[in-house]
Amino acid sequence: MTSLAATLRPTLNLHQSLKAIFRSVAEDWTRHRIYAQTKRELEALSERELEDIGLARWNIEDLAHETAYGSKK
């Protein structure tokens, strides 16, 4: 029984490691999609619409990044 447990342990660690890697990639992909969608939607607005919501075209990238990834440090 001890040898079986010792044999399974590396497999579980590998499984957990792969799961963590895939979860991280999925989270990164989701954040990137949020960034891209936010940027695309804001860039589609006219200067007047941006002004109405208190934004300037030059800070669209910063706002999209903050929306997807959180505030800049």
Protein backbone atom coordinates (compact mmCIF):
# COMPACT_ATOMS: atom_id res chain seq x y z
CA MET A 1 0.00 0.00 0.00
CA THR A 2 2.82 2.39 0.80
CA SER A 3 4.39 1.91 -2.60
CA LEU A 4 1.05 2.65 -4.26
CA ALA A 5 0.67 5.92 -2.35
CA ALA A 6 4.24 6.88 -3.19
CA THR A 7 3.58 6.14 -6.85
CA LEU A 8 0.40 8.23 -7.00
CA ARG A 9 1.81 11.28 -5.27
CA PRO A 10 3.88 12.59 -8.24
CA THR A 11 0.90 12.03 -10.53
CA LEU A 12 -1.35 14.11 -8.30
CA ASN A 13 1.23 16.88 -8.12
CA LEU A 14 1.62 16.87 -11.89
CA HIS A 15 -2.16 16.91 -12.28
CA GLN A 16 -2.48 19.82 -9.86
CA SER A 17 0.33 21.69 -11.58
CA LEU A 18 -1.21 21.25 -15.02
CA LYS A 19 -4.60 22.28 -13.67
CA ALA A 20 -3.09 25.44 -12.19
CA ILE A 21 -1.33 26.26 -15.46
CA PHE A 22 -4.50 25.81 -17.52
CA ARG A 23 -6.51 27.85 -15.01
CA SER A 24 -3.93 30.64 -15.22
CA VAL A 25 -3.97 30.60 -19.03
CA ALA A 26 -7.78 30.68 -19.04
CA GLU A 27 -7.83 33.62 -16.62
CA ASP A 28 -5.26 35.50 -18.70
CA TRP A 29 -7.25 34.85 -21.88
CA THR A 30 -10.45 36.08 -20.20
CA ARG A 31 -8.72 39.25 -19.01
CA HIS A 32 -7.31 39.86 -22.48
CA ARG A 33 -10.77 39.46 -24.05
CA ILE A 34 -12.21 41.96 -21.55
CA TYR A 35 -9.38 44.39 -22.36
CA ALA A 36 -9.84 44.03 -26.12
CA GLN A 37 -13.63 44.34 -25.97
CA THR A 38 -13.52 47.39 -23.70
CA LYS A 39 -10.93 49.09 -25.90
CA ARG A 40 -12.85 48.29 -29.09
CA GLU A 41 -16.14 49.59 -27.70
CA LEU A 42 -14.61 52.81 -26.37
CA GLU A 43 -12.72 53.44 -29.61
CA ALA A 44 -16.02 53.16 -31.50
CA LEU A 45 -17.44 56.13 -29.59
CA SER A 46 -17.33 59.62 -31.07
CA GLU A 47 -15.39 62.45 -29.45
CA ARG A 48 -18.69 63.87 -28.20
CA GLU A 49 -19.75 60.58 -26.62
CA LEU A 50 -16.38 60.21 -24.94
CA GLU A 51 -16.61 63.77 -23.65
CA ASP A 52 -20.11 63.09 -22.30
CA ILE A 53 -18.79 60.24 -20.15
CA GLY A 54 -15.71 62.17 -19.09
CA LEU A 55 -13.10 60.36 -21.17
CA ALA A 56 -10.51 61.43 -23.69
CA ARG A 57 -9.38 59.26 -26.56
CA TRP A 58 -5.81 59.24 -25.23
CA ASN A 59 -6.79 57.40 -22.03
CA ILE A 60 -8.86 54.60 -23.59
CA GLU A 61 -5.99 52.11 -23.38
CA ASP A 62 -5.38 52.90 -19.72
CA LEU A 63 -9.06 52.52 -18.88
CA ALA A 64 -9.36 49.24 -20.79
CA HIS A 65 -6.26 47.91 -19.01
CA GLU A 66 -7.61 48.98 -15.62
CA THR A 67 -10.97 47.36 -16.38
CA ALA A 68 -9.41 44.03 -17.31
CA TYR A 69 -6.39 43.80 -15.03
CA GLY A 70 -7.17 46.15 -12.16
CA SER A 71 -5.56 49.43 -11.24
CA LYS A 72 -2.01 50.14 -12.28
CA LYS A 73 0.62 49.81 -9.59
